[in-house]
Amino acid sequence: MGSSTDLKVADPEKSGFPAPAEDQRALNLRIDWTKDEERRAKRKLDLIIMPLLTLGFFCLQLDRGNISNAITDTLFEDVHITQNQFNVGQQMLSLGIVLFEIPSNMILYRVGPGKWLTLQLFLFGTVATFQAFMNSYGSFIATRLLLGITESGFIPGGLWTLSTWYTRSETAKRVMIFYFGNQFGQASSKLLATGILAMENVGGKPGWFWLFALMGAFTIFSGFILGFCLPDSFRNPCSTFLPGKSWFTDRELHILQTRVLLDDPAKGKKKRKIDIGAFKRAFTNWRIWVHVFISLLNNGPQRAFDTYAPSIVTSFEFGKLRSNAMASVGLFLQLPTSFAFSWISDHFDLRGETVIAGLFCHLVGYIFNRSFTTFGNDRRGAKYFGVIWTQMFGTFSHPLNITWLSLTCEDSEVRALAMAMIIMGANIAGIYGAQIFRSEDKPLYLRGFSINLAIISTAIFLAIVRTVDDLIRGKRRKNKDLDGSSSDNAQTIEVDEELKGAHR
């Protein structure tokens, strides 16, 4: 393994000139490698960074979402809580994430993603495991709040980490791959729950006990994987548990870092802390706030539906274990659907258009559920189709929106804050979304589905506004470039005429 290396810039002692400032280094860089060298270095980066970050997100979703399977078991009776009290616990999870999202991201920015993301897996894995010992409303509220606090910052931290290792165009596709961990976790938790809940009475414990214990233990084990394998940064390309070993050679680091700085010189201006100016630039940018509200509006209904999807399918009289397995089908179908939308967004640069299309399909899902829920169980196939459709299209507008936002940010500091802001918005969505499906509205949830329709419609409107804004800005930039080109041509013609006159 090679050791860490700095950028190759002119040696001031040999050249007689002072070394360039850090934010001017991109001006002194050039491509001095072959396409084959770059392809091999990028492939190696993908094989190291992407599986590890995706694994972390997979674990987070397992520990956050397995409660939706637990409530199809005897959790309510054993912990002595009602459905509406359970909703309050879900709000505490989101509240913990929201309160500590930005502080967590500031810690990551200071100590590095390798150390902080690894520590987070150990922390929320431990809390998730101890959920198995809940026995009262108080213990339920406390563990959900602690789970939210320990999970806070992991998602924006992962997104920011991707933005530092990859160019802007490459980051878009990697964000969707990163979110596949979330989506695969959503689907897998429901399928795994089918087997784990069957362990009821093993050791005298209910099935939900083993659900929390085993999934939490897996997260802790995954923390060791990240600790041994996840490199921190270009400056410190070593993992937390192996500080003297780099996964990359000096040559590979030079290629990977130089290409990122040539793509976006602002990434060379990383500081040890985020200054007040970055906060001002981020919080006064209306476009960032539009993206935050799009995710806030999309994720509230989606979180609510994901939590109660297994229970809704159970109400179709398919049986507890079978219903958990069936509730995973739409989420597994979501994976190729997400990939297709991501490819279209990336390949054709249709950022806003794919977000709008995803939100519209999400809206159609609630139209189906609102219409089909009144059917009797003799038509439960149609009711189940509504569940599958909503799961297929409910989630991926959020990562597409994040990619769109990332490309809007002007520098790495604003990008780090914007990532925290949009994830905060997504988790604030969990606070209100937790109360959409209430006990007095079950089992049809007609009011809940109507609320979701209104919320998603608002998200579509905002996405259209931002898309039109991008189109207008793009047209202005194009016209400006054309005007600049025309001006240059006119100056060239004028100089030619003067030269001809001089010759005459």
Protein backbone atom coordinates (compact mmCIF):
# COMPACT_ATOMS: atom_id res chain seq x y z
CA MET A 1 0.00 0.00 0.00
CA GLY A 2 1.24 3.50 -0.77
CA SER A 3 1.42 6.42 1.61
CA SER A 4 -0.45 9.71 1.52
CA THR A 5 0.78 12.39 -0.85
CA ASP A 6 0.08 16.09 -1.44
CA LEU A 7 -0.70 17.63 -4.78
CA LYS A 8 2.16 17.93 -7.22
CA VAL A 9 2.90 21.64 -7.40
CA ALA A 10 6.08 23.52 -8.15
CA ASP A 11 8.77 23.35 -5.46
CA PRO A 12 9.28 26.99 -4.36
CA GLU A 13 12.94 26.38 -3.44
CA LYS A 14 13.79 25.06 -6.90
CA SER A 15 11.59 27.39 -8.92
CA GLY A 16 12.37 30.59 -7.04
CA PHE A 17 8.64 31.40 -6.75
CA PRO A 18 6.43 31.12 -3.64
CA ALA A 19 4.14 28.08 -3.40
CA PRO A 20 0.60 28.76 -4.66
CA ALA A 21 -2.17 29.32 -2.14
CA GLU A 22 -4.30 26.26 -1.42
CA ASP A 23 -7.28 27.67 -3.31
CA GLN A 24 -5.05 28.37 -6.37
CA ARG A 25 -3.55 24.90 -6.69
CA ALA A 26 -5.96 23.84 -9.42
CA LEU A 27 -4.39 26.50 -11.62
CA ASN A 28 -1.05 24.70 -11.34
CA LEU A 29 -2.37 21.22 -12.13
CA ARG A 30 -2.55 19.41 -15.40
CA ILE A 31 -3.59 16.01 -16.68
CA ASP A 32 -0.43 13.91 -16.68
CA TRP A 33 -1.96 10.45 -16.80
CA THR A 34 -3.57 8.19 -19.37
CA LYS A 35 -7.26 7.39 -19.59
CA ASP A 36 -6.49 3.81 -18.65
CA GLU A 37 -4.68 4.93 -15.48
CA GLU A 38 -7.63 7.11 -14.51
CA ARG A 39 -10.12 4.31 -15.22
CA ARG A 40 -8.19 1.87 -13.00
CA ALA A 41 -7.83 4.38 -10.17
CA LYS A 42 -11.52 5.29 -10.31
CA ARG A 43 -12.55 1.63 -10.37
CA LYS A 44 -10.45 0.97 -7.28
CA LEU A 45 -12.02 3.97 -5.56
CA ASP A 46 -15.50 2.68 -6.42
CA LEU A 47 -14.73 -0.78 -5.06
CA ILE A 48 -13.54 0.68 -1.75
CA ILE A 49 -15.73 3.72 -1.03
CA MET A 50 -19.11 2.75 -2.48
CA PRO A 51 -19.63 -0.69 -0.81
CA LEU A 52 -18.60 0.70 2.59
CA LEU A 53 -20.84 3.79 2.55
CA THR A 54 -23.71 1.76 1.11
CA LEU A 55 -23.24 -0.86 3.85
CA GLY A 56 -23.44 1.87 6.48
CA PHE A 57 -26.67 3.24 5.01
CA PHE A 58 -28.05 -0.31 4.77
CA CYS A 59 -27.43 -0.82 8.49
CA LEU A 60 -28.97 2.55 9.36
CA GLN A 61 -32.15 1.68 7.50
CA LEU A 62 -32.32 -1.79 9.06
CA ASP A 63 -32.17 -0.31 12.56
CA ARG A 64 -34.47 2.58 11.79
CA GLY A 65 -37.11 0.68 9.80
CA ASN A 66 -37.38 -2.73 11.48
CA ILE A 67 -39.87 -1.27 13.96
CA SER A 68 -42.49 -1.34 11.17
CA ASN A 69 -42.15 -5.14 11.20
CA ALA A 70 -42.09 -5.34 14.98
CA ILE A 71 -45.55 -3.78 15.23
CA THR A 72 -47.01 -6.65 13.20
CA ASP A 73 -45.87 -8.86 16.10
CA THR A 74 -46.76 -8.30 19.78
CA LEU A 75 -44.73 -5.11 20.34
CA PHE A 76 -47.74 -2.97 21.30
CA GLU A 77 -48.94 -5.48 23.88
CA ASP A 78 -45.51 -6.32 25.32
CA VAL A 79 -44.31 -2.71 25.64
CA HIS A 80 -47.80 -1.51 26.71
CA ILE A 81 -48.21 1.25 24.11
CA THR A 82 -50.98 2.30 21.74
CA GLN A 83 -50.66 3.13 18.04
CA ASN A 84 -50.78 6.87 18.72
CA GLN A 85 -48.09 6.53 21.42
CA PHE A 86 -46.02 4.56 18.92
CA ASN A 87 -46.36 7.51 16.52
CA VAL A 88 -44.92 9.81 19.22
CA GLY A 89 -41.91 7.48 19.49
CA GLN A 90 -41.38 7.80 15.75
CA GLN A 91 -41.48 11.57 16.15
CA MET A 92 -38.78 11.32 18.84
CA LEU A 93 -36.56 9.43 16.39
CA SER A 94 -36.87 12.22 13.83
CA LEU A 95 -36.50 14.92 16.49
CA GLY A 96 -33.21 13.43 17.68
CA ILE A 97 -31.88 13.43 14.12
CA VAL A 98 -32.99 17.00 13.44
CA LEU A 99 -31.53 18.45 16.65
CA PHE A 100 -28.08 16.92 16.13
CA GLU A 101 -27.83 16.88 12.30
CA ILE A 102 -25.75 20.02 11.82
CA PRO A 103 -23.58 19.57 14.97
CA SER A 104 -22.82 16.02 13.79
CA ASN A 105 -21.88 17.26 10.34
CA MET A 106 -19.59 19.92 11.85
CA ILE A 107 -17.81 17.21 13.87
CA LEU A 108 -17.38 15.14 10.72
CA TYR A 109 -15.99 18.14 8.87
CA ARG A 110 -13.42 18.60 11.63
CA VAL A 111 -12.32 15.02 12.45
CA GLY A 112 -12.90 13.38 9.06
CA PRO A 113 -15.50 10.91 7.76
CA GLY A 114 -13.44 7.77 8.39
CA LYS A 115 -13.44 8.22 12.16
CA TRP A 116 -16.86 9.80 12.60
CA LEU A 117 -18.94 7.52 10.36
CA THR A 118 -17.27 4.46 11.89
CA LEU A 119 -18.05 5.67 15.41
CA GLN A 120 -21.65 6.35 14.45
CA LEU A 121 -22.19 2.75 13.35
CA PHE A 122 -21.01 1.53 16.75
CA LEU A 123 -23.24 4.04 18.55
CA PHE A 124 -26.52 3.50 16.74
CA GLY A 125 -25.87 -0.23 16.47
CA THR A 126 -25.61 -0.42 20.26
CA VAL A 127 -28.79 1.60 20.80
CA ALA A 128 -30.63 -0.48 18.17
CA THR A 129 -29.61 -3.69 19.93
CA PHE A 130 -30.87 -2.49 23.31
CA GLN A 131 -34.29 -1.76 21.80
CA ALA A 132 -34.82 -5.47 22.36
CA PHE A 133 -35.17 -4.76 26.10
CA MET A 134 -37.93 -2.15 25.88
CA ASN A 135 -40.71 -2.85 28.40
CA SER A 136 -42.58 0.45 28.85
CA TYR A 137 -43.65 3.61 27.09
CA GLY A 138 -40.78 5.51 28.73
CA SER A 139 -38.12 3.05 27.56
CA PHE A 140 -39.64 3.08 24.06
CA ILE A 141 -39.48 6.89 23.85
CA ALA A 142 -35.92 6.99 25.25
CA THR A 143 -34.50 4.41 22.85
CA ARG A 144 -36.12 5.99 19.79
CA LEU A 145 -34.75 9.42 20.76
CA LEU A 146 -31.26 8.01 21.37
CA LEU A 147 -31.39 6.14 18.07
CA GLY A 148 -32.18 9.40 16.29
CA ILE A 149 -29.35 11.25 18.05
CA THR A 150 -26.76 8.60 17.22
CA GLU A 151 -27.92 8.29 13.58
CA SER A 152 -27.90 12.05 13.00
CA GLY A 153 -25.36 13.23 10.48
CA PHE A 154 -24.61 9.84 8.94
CA ILE A 155 -26.52 10.44 5.70
CA PRO A 156 -25.28 14.01 5.00
CA GLY A 157 -21.83 12.85 6.10
CA GLY A 158 -21.91 10.08 3.53
CA LEU A 159 -23.12 12.47 0.85
CA TRP A 160 -20.43 15.02 1.65
CA THR A 161 -17.78 12.27 1.61
CA LEU A 162 -18.86 11.26 -1.90
CA SER A 163 -18.61 14.87 -3.08
CA THR A 164 -14.98 15.06 -1.90
CA TRP A 165 -13.79 11.88 -3.68
CA TYR A 166 -15.64 12.32 -6.99
CA THR A 167 -16.17 14.97 -9.65
CA ARG A 168 -19.50 16.75 -9.77
CA SER A 169 -20.87 14.71 -12.68
CA GLU A 170 -19.77 11.42 -11.08
CA THR A 171 -21.27 12.31 -7.71
CA ALA A 172 -24.82 12.24 -9.09
CA LYS A 173 -24.66 8.55 -9.98
CA ARG A 174 -22.84 7.65 -6.72
CA VAL A 175 -25.54 9.38 -4.64
CA MET A 176 -28.12 7.03 -6.14
CA ILE A 177 -25.87 4.02 -5.48
CA PHE A 178 -25.45 5.25 -1.89
CA TYR A 179 -29.22 5.45 -1.55
CA PHE A 180 -29.55 1.92 -2.87
CA GLY A 181 -28.24 0.96 0.58
CA ASN A 182 -31.26 2.70 2.08
CA GLN A 183 -33.68 1.16 -0.39
CA PHE A 184 -32.16 -2.31 -0.12
CA GLY A 185 -32.31 -1.95 3.67
CA GLN A 186 -36.00 -1.06 3.48
CA ALA A 187 -36.75 -4.13 1.39
CA SER A 188 -34.42 -6.52 3.21
CA SER A 189 -35.63 -5.59 6.70
CA LYS A 190 -39.15 -6.70 5.79
CA LEU A 191 -37.97 -9.90 4.15
CA LEU A 192 -35.57 -10.74 7.00
CA ALA A 193 -38.31 -10.01 9.50
CA THR A 194 -40.34 -12.84 7.99
CA GLY A 195 -37.73 -15.32 9.21
CA ILE A 196 -36.69 -13.57 12.42
CA LEU A 197 -40.23 -13.07 13.71
CA ALA A 198 -40.67 -16.83 13.33
CA MET A 199 -38.14 -17.16 16.20
CA GLU A 200 -40.96 -16.33 18.60
CA ASN A 201 -40.49 -18.08 21.98
CA VAL A 202 -36.83 -18.94 21.26
CA GLY A 203 -35.22 -18.37 24.65
CA GLY A 204 -38.63 -17.38 25.94
CA LYS A 205 -38.49 -14.11 23.97
CA PRO A 206 -40.97 -12.65 21.45
CA GLY A 207 -40.05 -12.45 17.78
CA TRP A 208 -39.56 -8.67 17.88
CA PHE A 209 -36.84 -9.12 20.57
CA TRP A 210 -34.70 -11.11 18.13
CA LEU A 211 -35.49 -8.65 15.33
CA PHE A 212 -33.82 -5.80 17.23
CA ALA A 213 -31.04 -7.89 18.79
CA LEU A 214 -29.82 -9.55 15.59
CA MET A 215 -30.05 -6.50 13.33
CA GLY A 216 -28.36 -4.30 15.93
CA ALA A 217 -25.54 -6.83 16.32
CA PHE A 218 -25.05 -6.86 12.55
CA THR A 219 -24.64 -3.07 12.59
CA ILE A 220 -21.95 -3.27 15.28
CA PHE A 221 -20.13 -5.91 13.23
CA SER A 222 -20.34 -3.60 10.19
CA GLY A 223 -18.76 -0.85 12.28
CA PHE A 224 -15.60 -2.96 12.47
CA ILE A 225 -15.64 -3.35 8.67
CA LEU A 226 -15.76 0.43 8.19
CA GLY A 227 -13.13 0.92 10.88
CA PHE A 228 -10.67 -1.32 9.08
CA CYS A 229 -11.49 -0.36 5.49
CA LEU A 230 -12.94 3.17 5.07
CA PRO A 231 -10.26 5.71 4.04
CA ASP A 232 -10.64 9.15 5.57
CA SER A 233 -9.70 11.61 2.83
CA PHE A 234 -7.08 12.50 0.23
CA ARG A 235 -4.96 14.04 2.97
CA ASN A 236 -5.31 10.93 5.14
CA PRO A 237 -6.12 7.95 2.88
CA CYS A 238 -5.98 5.48 5.78
CA SER A 239 -8.72 3.78 7.81
CA THR A 240 -9.42 4.45 11.49
CA PHE A 241 -8.11 1.10 12.77
CA LEU A 242 -5.13 0.97 10.37
CA PRO A 243 -3.76 4.52 10.52
CA GLY A 244 -0.44 3.68 8.87
CA LYS A 245 -1.83 1.86 5.84
CA SER A 246 -3.21 3.50 2.70
CA TRP A 247 -5.49 1.73 0.23
CA PHE A 248 -4.02 3.82 -2.62
CA THR A 249 -0.59 4.34 -4.13
CA ASP A 250 0.90 7.83 -4.41
CA ARG A 251 0.23 7.78 -8.14
CA GLU A 252 -3.44 6.81 -7.66
CA LEU A 253 -3.94 9.54 -5.05
CA HIS A 254 -2.38 12.11 -7.38
CA ILE A 255 -4.70 11.12 -10.22
CA LEU A 256 -7.84 10.96 -8.06
CA GLN A 257 -7.26 14.23 -6.24
CA THR A 258 -6.07 16.22 -9.24
CA ARG A 259 -9.06 15.25 -11.36
CA VAL A 260 -11.42 16.37 -8.58
CA LEU A 261 -9.69 19.75 -8.24
CA LEU A 262 -9.59 20.31 -11.98
CA ASP A 263 -13.35 19.68 -12.04
CA ASP A 264 -14.08 21.93 -9.04
CA PRO A 265 -11.20 24.08 -7.69
CA ALA A 266 -13.38 25.10 -4.72
CA LYS A 267 -12.88 21.62 -3.27
CA GLY A 268 -9.25 22.55 -2.65
CA LYS A 269 -10.31 25.21 -0.16
CA LYS A 270 -11.36 22.86 2.64
CA LYS A 271 -10.85 24.41 6.08
CA ARG A 272 -10.76 22.90 9.56
CA LYS A 273 -14.13 24.47 10.34
CA ILE A 274 -17.06 26.00 8.51
CA ASP A 275 -17.03 29.81 8.79
CA ILE A 276 -19.99 32.13 9.35
CA GLY A 277 -19.90 33.27 5.72
CA ALA A 278 -20.74 29.75 4.54
CA PHE A 279 -23.76 29.67 6.86
CA LYS A 280 -24.93 32.99 5.42
CA ARG A 281 -24.46 31.81 1.82
CA ALA A 282 -26.34 28.58 2.51
CA PHE A 283 -29.24 29.92 4.58
CA THR A 284 -29.96 32.89 2.28
CA ASN A 285 -30.01 30.83 -0.93
CA TRP A 286 -33.69 30.38 -1.80
CA ARG A 287 -32.95 27.55 -4.20
CA ILE A 288 -31.48 25.45 -1.39
CA TRP A 289 -34.64 26.02 0.65
CA VAL A 290 -36.84 24.89 -2.25
CA HIS A 291 -34.91 21.62 -2.41
CA VAL A 292 -35.24 21.22 1.37
CA PHE A 293 -39.02 21.67 1.16
CA ILE A 294 -39.33 19.22 -1.76
CA SER A 295 -37.72 16.50 0.37
CA LEU A 296 -39.67 17.56 3.44
CA LEU A 297 -42.93 17.18 1.52
CA ASN A 298 -41.97 13.93 -0.24
CA ASN A 299 -40.60 12.14 2.80
CA GLY A 300 -43.45 12.75 5.27
CA PRO A 301 -46.01 10.66 3.36
CA GLN A 302 -43.32 8.15 2.35
CA ARG A 303 -42.14 7.60 5.94
CA ALA A 304 -45.70 7.19 7.15
CA PHE A 305 -46.57 4.69 4.44
CA ASP A 306 -43.34 2.71 4.88
CA THR A 307 -43.97 2.38 8.63
CA TYR A 308 -47.48 1.01 8.21
CA ALA A 309 -47.13 -0.89 4.92
CA PRO A 310 -46.67 -4.30 6.63
CA SER A 311 -49.66 -3.59 8.89
CA ILE A 312 -51.76 -2.46 5.91
CA VAL A 313 -50.92 -5.68 4.03
CA THR A 314 -51.70 -7.68 7.18
CA SER A 315 -55.17 -6.08 7.20
CA PHE A 316 -55.77 -7.78 3.81
CA GLU A 317 -55.77 -11.06 5.80
CA PHE A 318 -52.59 -12.54 4.33
CA GLY A 319 -51.19 -13.52 7.73
CA LYS A 320 -48.45 -11.88 9.82
CA LEU A 321 -45.33 -13.56 8.43
CA ARG A 322 -46.55 -13.67 4.85
CA SER A 323 -47.54 -9.99 5.00
CA ASN A 324 -44.02 -8.94 6.04
CA ALA A 325 -42.58 -10.81 3.06
CA MET A 326 -45.18 -9.32 0.70
CA ALA A 327 -44.45 -5.83 2.02
CA SER A 328 -40.91 -6.17 0.66
CA VAL A 329 -41.89 -6.82 -2.97
CA GLY A 330 -42.52 -3.21 -4.00
CA LEU A 331 -39.32 -2.11 -2.28
CA PHE A 332 -37.24 -4.63 -4.21
CA LEU A 333 -38.92 -3.47 -7.45
CA GLN A 334 -37.98 0.06 -6.45
CA LEU A 335 -34.27 -0.75 -6.95
CA PRO A 336 -34.30 -1.15 -10.77
CA THR A 337 -36.86 1.65 -11.02
CA SER A 338 -34.56 3.99 -9.09
CA PHE A 339 -31.60 2.98 -11.21
CA ALA A 340 -33.55 3.73 -14.41
CA PHE A 341 -34.59 7.20 -13.19
CA SER A 342 -31.04 7.89 -12.00
CA TRP A 343 -29.58 6.88 -15.36
CA ILE A 344 -32.00 9.15 -17.23
CA SER A 345 -31.29 12.03 -14.85
CA ASP A 346 -27.53 11.60 -15.18
CA HIS A 347 -27.25 10.68 -18.87
CA PHE A 348 -29.60 13.35 -20.21
CA ASP A 349 -29.00 15.91 -17.43
CA LEU A 350 -32.73 15.99 -16.64
CA ARG A 351 -32.49 16.78 -12.92
CA GLY A 352 -35.75 18.59 -12.33
CA GLU A 353 -37.73 16.57 -14.86
CA THR A 354 -36.92 13.22 -13.22
CA VAL A 355 -37.78 14.59 -9.77
CA ILE A 356 -41.15 15.79 -11.07
CA ALA A 357 -41.83 12.42 -12.76
CA GLY A 358 -40.94 10.53 -9.57
CA LEU A 359 -43.17 12.74 -7.44
CA PHE A 360 -46.05 12.34 -9.89
CA CYS A 361 -45.77 8.53 -9.77
CA HIS A 362 -45.68 8.80 -5.97
CA LEU A 363 -48.88 10.86 -6.12
CA VAL A 364 -50.57 8.23 -8.31
CA GLY A 365 -49.77 5.64 -5.63
CA TYR A 366 -51.87 7.47 -3.05
CA ILE A 367 -54.67 7.87 -5.59
CA PHE A 368 -54.64 4.08 -5.99
CA ASN A 369 -54.59 3.47 -2.23
CA ARG A 370 -57.29 6.06 -1.53
CA SER A 371 -59.52 4.43 -4.18
CA PHE A 372 -58.74 0.73 -3.56
CA THR A 373 -58.78 0.76 0.25
CA THR A 374 -62.58 0.63 0.29
CA PHE A 375 -62.58 -2.64 -1.66
CA GLY A 376 -63.41 -5.82 0.18
CA ASN A 377 -60.77 -8.50 0.69
CA ASP A 378 -62.26 -10.41 -2.21
CA ARG A 379 -60.44 -7.77 -4.29
CA ARG A 380 -57.34 -7.64 -2.13
CA GLY A 381 -55.13 -8.12 -5.20
CA ALA A 382 -56.02 -4.60 -6.34
CA LYS A 383 -55.40 -3.26 -2.83
CA TYR A 384 -52.01 -4.96 -2.74
CA PHE A 385 -51.15 -3.49 -6.17
CA GLY A 386 -51.68 -0.02 -4.68
CA VAL A 387 -49.15 -0.83 -1.95
CA ILE A 388 -46.57 -2.13 -4.45
CA TRP A 389 -46.93 0.91 -6.73
CA THR A 390 -46.48 3.36 -3.85
CA GLN A 391 -43.39 1.52 -2.59
CA MET A 392 -41.86 1.48 -6.08
CA PHE A 393 -42.09 5.25 -6.53
CA GLY A 394 -42.13 6.63 -2.99
CA THR A 395 -38.45 7.02 -2.12
CA PHE A 396 -36.12 7.84 -5.00
CA SER A 397 -37.31 11.40 -5.69
CA HIS A 398 -35.44 12.32 -2.52
CA PRO A 399 -31.94 11.17 -3.64
CA LEU A 400 -32.58 12.63 -7.10
CA ASN A 401 -33.43 15.91 -5.40
CA ILE A 402 -30.24 15.69 -3.32
CA THR A 403 -28.14 15.24 -6.46
CA TRP A 404 -29.88 18.20 -8.04
CA LEU A 405 -29.13 20.28 -4.92
CA SER A 406 -25.48 19.19 -4.83
CA LEU A 407 -24.97 20.50 -8.36
CA THR A 408 -26.50 23.82 -7.28
CA CYS A 409 -24.03 24.47 -4.43
CA GLU A 410 -21.16 26.88 -5.06
CA ASP A 411 -18.45 25.44 -2.78
CA SER A 412 -17.68 22.54 -0.43
CA GLU A 413 -18.66 24.42 2.74
CA VAL A 414 -22.07 25.40 1.40
CA ARG A 415 -22.46 21.87 0.03
CA ALA A 416 -21.76 20.36 3.47
CA LEU A 417 -24.36 22.64 5.08
CA ALA A 418 -26.87 22.09 2.27
CA MET A 419 -26.55 18.32 2.71
CA ALA A 420 -27.26 18.70 6.42
CA MET A 421 -30.18 21.04 5.71
CA ILE A 422 -31.88 18.72 3.24
CA ILE A 423 -31.46 15.68 5.47
CA MET A 424 -32.84 17.77 8.34
CA GLY A 425 -35.82 18.54 6.11
CA ALA A 426 -36.25 14.86 5.36
CA ASN A 427 -36.22 14.07 9.07
CA ILE A 428 -38.53 16.93 10.02
CA ALA A 429 -40.83 15.17 7.56
CA GLY A 430 -40.65 12.18 9.88
CA ILE A 431 -41.97 14.31 12.75
CA TYR A 432 -45.19 15.28 11.02
CA GLY A 433 -45.37 12.10 8.92
CA ALA A 434 -45.49 9.97 12.06
CA GLN A 435 -48.95 11.33 12.82
CA ILE A 436 -50.53 10.89 9.38
CA PHE A 437 -51.82 7.35 10.01
CA ARG A 438 -53.64 7.37 13.36
CA SER A 439 -55.63 4.72 15.18
CA GLU A 440 -58.99 6.48 14.68
CA ASP A 441 -58.42 6.42 10.89
CA LYS A 442 -57.64 2.68 10.61
CA PRO A 443 -58.02 0.30 8.87
CA LEU A 444 -58.92 2.26 5.68
CA TYR A 445 -56.81 5.38 6.43
CA LEU A 446 -58.95 7.47 4.07
CA ARG A 447 -57.96 10.71 5.80
CA GLY A 448 -54.28 9.71 5.81
CA PHE A 449 -54.20 9.03 2.08
CA SER A 450 -56.04 12.31 1.36
CA ILE A 451 -53.44 14.23 3.39
CA ASN A 452 -50.65 12.53 1.44
CA LEU A 453 -52.23 13.55 -1.86
CA ALA A 454 -52.29 17.22 -0.81
CA ILE A 455 -48.69 17.16 0.43
CA ILE A 456 -47.21 15.48 -2.66
CA SER A 457 -49.14 17.86 -4.93
CA THR A 458 -47.39 20.78 -3.20
CA ALA A 459 -44.00 19.09 -3.70
CA ILE A 460 -44.69 18.74 -7.43
CA PHE A 461 -45.50 22.45 -7.66
CA LEU A 462 -42.18 23.40 -6.01
CA ALA A 463 -40.22 21.04 -8.26
CA ILE A 464 -41.83 22.64 -11.32
CA VAL A 465 -40.85 26.11 -10.06
CA ARG A 466 -37.20 25.06 -9.63
CA THR A 467 -37.13 23.32 -13.02
CA VAL A 468 -38.43 26.45 -14.76
CA ASP A 469 -35.85 28.49 -12.84
CA ASP A 470 -33.05 26.20 -14.07
CA LEU A 471 -34.30 26.43 -17.65
CA ILE A 472 -34.37 30.24 -17.49
CA ARG A 473 -30.88 30.41 -15.95
CA GLY A 474 -29.54 27.96 -18.52
CA LYS A 475 -30.97 30.05 -21.35
CA ARG A 476 -29.43 33.23 -19.89
CA ARG A 477 -26.02 31.56 -19.58
CA LYS A 478 -26.25 30.37 -23.17
CA ASN A 479 -27.16 33.83 -24.42
CA LYS A 480 -24.35 35.35 -22.36
CA ASP A 481 -21.86 32.90 -23.83
CA LEU A 482 -23.11 33.70 -27.34
CA ASP A 483 -22.84 37.44 -26.66
CA GLY A 484 -19.32 36.97 -25.33
CA SER A 485 -18.36 34.94 -28.39
CA SER A 486 -19.83 37.57 -30.72
CA SER A 487 -17.94 40.32 -28.89
CA ASP A 488 -14.67 38.39 -29.23
CA ASN A 489 -15.30 37.86 -32.94
CA ALA A 490 -16.08 41.55 -33.43
CA GLN A 491 -12.84 42.54 -31.69
CA THR A 492 -10.90 40.08 -33.85
CA ILE A 493 -12.42 41.55 -37.04
CA GLU A 494 -11.61 45.09 -35.86
CA VAL A 495 -7.97 44.16 -35.20
CA ASP A 496 -7.73 42.50 -38.63
CA GLU A 497 -9.05 45.65 -40.31
CA GLU A 498 -6.51 47.79 -38.45
CA LEU A 499 -3.69 45.47 -39.52
CA LYS A 500 -4.84 45.61 -43.12
CA GLY A 501 -4.92 49.39 -42.96
CA ALA A 502 -1.40 49.46 -41.58
CA HIS A 503 -0.17 47.26 -44.41
CA ARG A 504 -1.81 49.56 -46.99
